[in-house]
N, C-alpha and C. Protein backbone atom coordinates (compact mmCIF):
# COMPACT_ATOMS: atom_id res chain seq x y z
N UNK A 1 91.17 82.92 109.21
CA UNK A 1 91.32 83.84 110.34
C UNK A 1 90.32 84.99 110.21
N UNK A 2 89.12 84.75 110.68
CA UNK A 2 88.09 85.79 110.61
C UNK A 2 87.95 86.46 111.96
N UNK A 3 88.18 87.76 112.00
CA UNK A 3 88.06 88.48 113.27
C UNK A 3 86.62 88.94 113.47
N UNK A 4 86.21 89.09 114.73
CA UNK A 4 84.83 89.50 115.05
C UNK A 4 84.46 90.82 114.36
N UNK A 5 85.38 91.78 114.34
CA UNK A 5 85.07 93.07 113.73
C UNK A 5 84.86 92.92 112.22
N UNK A 6 85.62 92.04 111.61
CA UNK A 6 85.46 91.81 110.17
C UNK A 6 84.12 91.15 109.90
N UNK A 7 83.79 90.16 110.72
CA UNK A 7 82.51 89.48 110.55
C UNK A 7 81.37 90.47 110.74
N UNK A 8 81.55 91.39 111.66
CA UNK A 8 80.52 92.40 111.92
C UNK A 8 80.28 93.25 110.69
N UNK A 9 81.36 93.59 109.98
CA UNK A 9 81.21 94.40 108.78
C UNK A 9 80.42 93.63 107.73
N UNK A 10 80.70 92.32 107.60
CA UNK A 10 80.01 91.51 106.60
C UNK A 10 78.54 91.35 106.98
N UNK A 11 78.29 91.17 108.29
CA UNK A 11 76.91 91.02 108.75
C UNK A 11 76.16 92.34 108.52
N UNK A 12 76.88 93.44 108.58
CA UNK A 12 76.26 94.75 108.41
C UNK A 12 75.83 94.96 106.96
N UNK A 13 76.43 94.18 106.05
CA UNK A 13 76.10 94.34 104.63
C UNK A 13 75.63 93.03 104.03
N UNK A 14 74.50 92.51 104.49
CA UNK A 14 74.00 91.23 104.00
C UNK A 14 73.58 91.30 102.54
N UNK A 15 73.19 92.48 102.07
CA UNK A 15 72.72 92.60 100.69
C UNK A 15 73.86 92.29 99.72
N UNK A 16 75.11 92.57 100.12
CA UNK A 16 76.24 92.26 99.24
C UNK A 16 76.75 90.85 99.53
N UNK A 17 76.96 90.55 100.81
CA UNK A 17 77.57 89.29 101.20
C UNK A 17 76.64 88.11 100.94
N UNK A 18 75.35 88.37 100.93
CA UNK A 18 74.40 87.29 100.65
C UNK A 18 74.71 86.67 99.30
N UNK A 19 75.21 87.50 98.38
CA UNK A 19 75.55 86.99 97.04
C UNK A 19 76.95 86.39 97.04
N UNK A 20 77.85 86.97 97.82
CA UNK A 20 79.25 86.52 97.81
C UNK A 20 79.42 85.22 98.61
N UNK A 21 78.82 85.18 99.80
CA UNK A 21 79.03 84.03 100.70
C UNK A 21 78.77 82.69 100.04
N UNK A 22 77.59 82.45 99.49
CA UNK A 22 77.27 81.12 98.96
C UNK A 22 78.02 80.79 97.68
N UNK A 23 78.40 81.80 96.92
CA UNK A 23 79.01 81.54 95.62
C UNK A 23 80.52 81.33 95.73
N UNK A 24 81.18 82.24 96.43
CA UNK A 24 82.65 82.14 96.50
C UNK A 24 83.14 82.34 97.93
N UNK A 25 83.08 81.31 98.76
CA UNK A 25 83.54 81.42 100.15
C UNK A 25 85.01 81.82 100.22
N UNK A 26 85.81 81.29 99.30
CA UNK A 26 87.24 81.61 99.31
C UNK A 26 87.48 83.06 98.90
N UNK A 27 86.60 83.58 98.07
CA UNK A 27 86.72 84.95 97.60
C UNK A 27 86.61 85.92 98.78
N UNK A 28 85.81 85.54 99.77
CA UNK A 28 85.63 86.39 100.95
C UNK A 28 86.96 86.62 101.64
N UNK A 29 87.75 85.56 101.77
CA UNK A 29 89.05 85.69 102.44
C UNK A 29 89.91 86.71 101.70
N UNK A 30 89.85 86.69 100.38
CA UNK A 30 90.63 87.64 99.59
C UNK A 30 90.10 89.06 99.81
N UNK A 31 88.78 89.20 99.83
CA UNK A 31 88.18 90.52 100.04
C UNK A 31 88.54 91.05 101.42
N UNK A 32 88.55 90.16 102.42
CA UNK A 32 88.88 90.58 103.78
C UNK A 32 90.32 91.08 103.82
N UNK A 33 91.21 90.39 103.12
CA UNK A 33 92.62 90.81 103.10
C UNK A 33 92.75 92.16 102.41
N UNK A 34 92.00 92.38 101.37
CA UNK A 34 92.05 93.65 100.66
C UNK A 34 91.54 94.78 101.54
N UNK A 35 90.48 94.51 102.30
CA UNK A 35 89.93 95.54 103.20
C UNK A 35 90.93 95.85 104.30
N UNK A 36 91.64 94.81 104.76
CA UNK A 36 92.60 95.01 105.83
C UNK A 36 93.77 95.74 105.20
């Protein structure tokens, strides 16, 4: 369940997510829940 606003935040920080996205896709879901 990725919301547009959440995706926008990740797109705004490619320097961090560029490392997170390819390595741990599932980790992103956890990070999103923590941010929420």
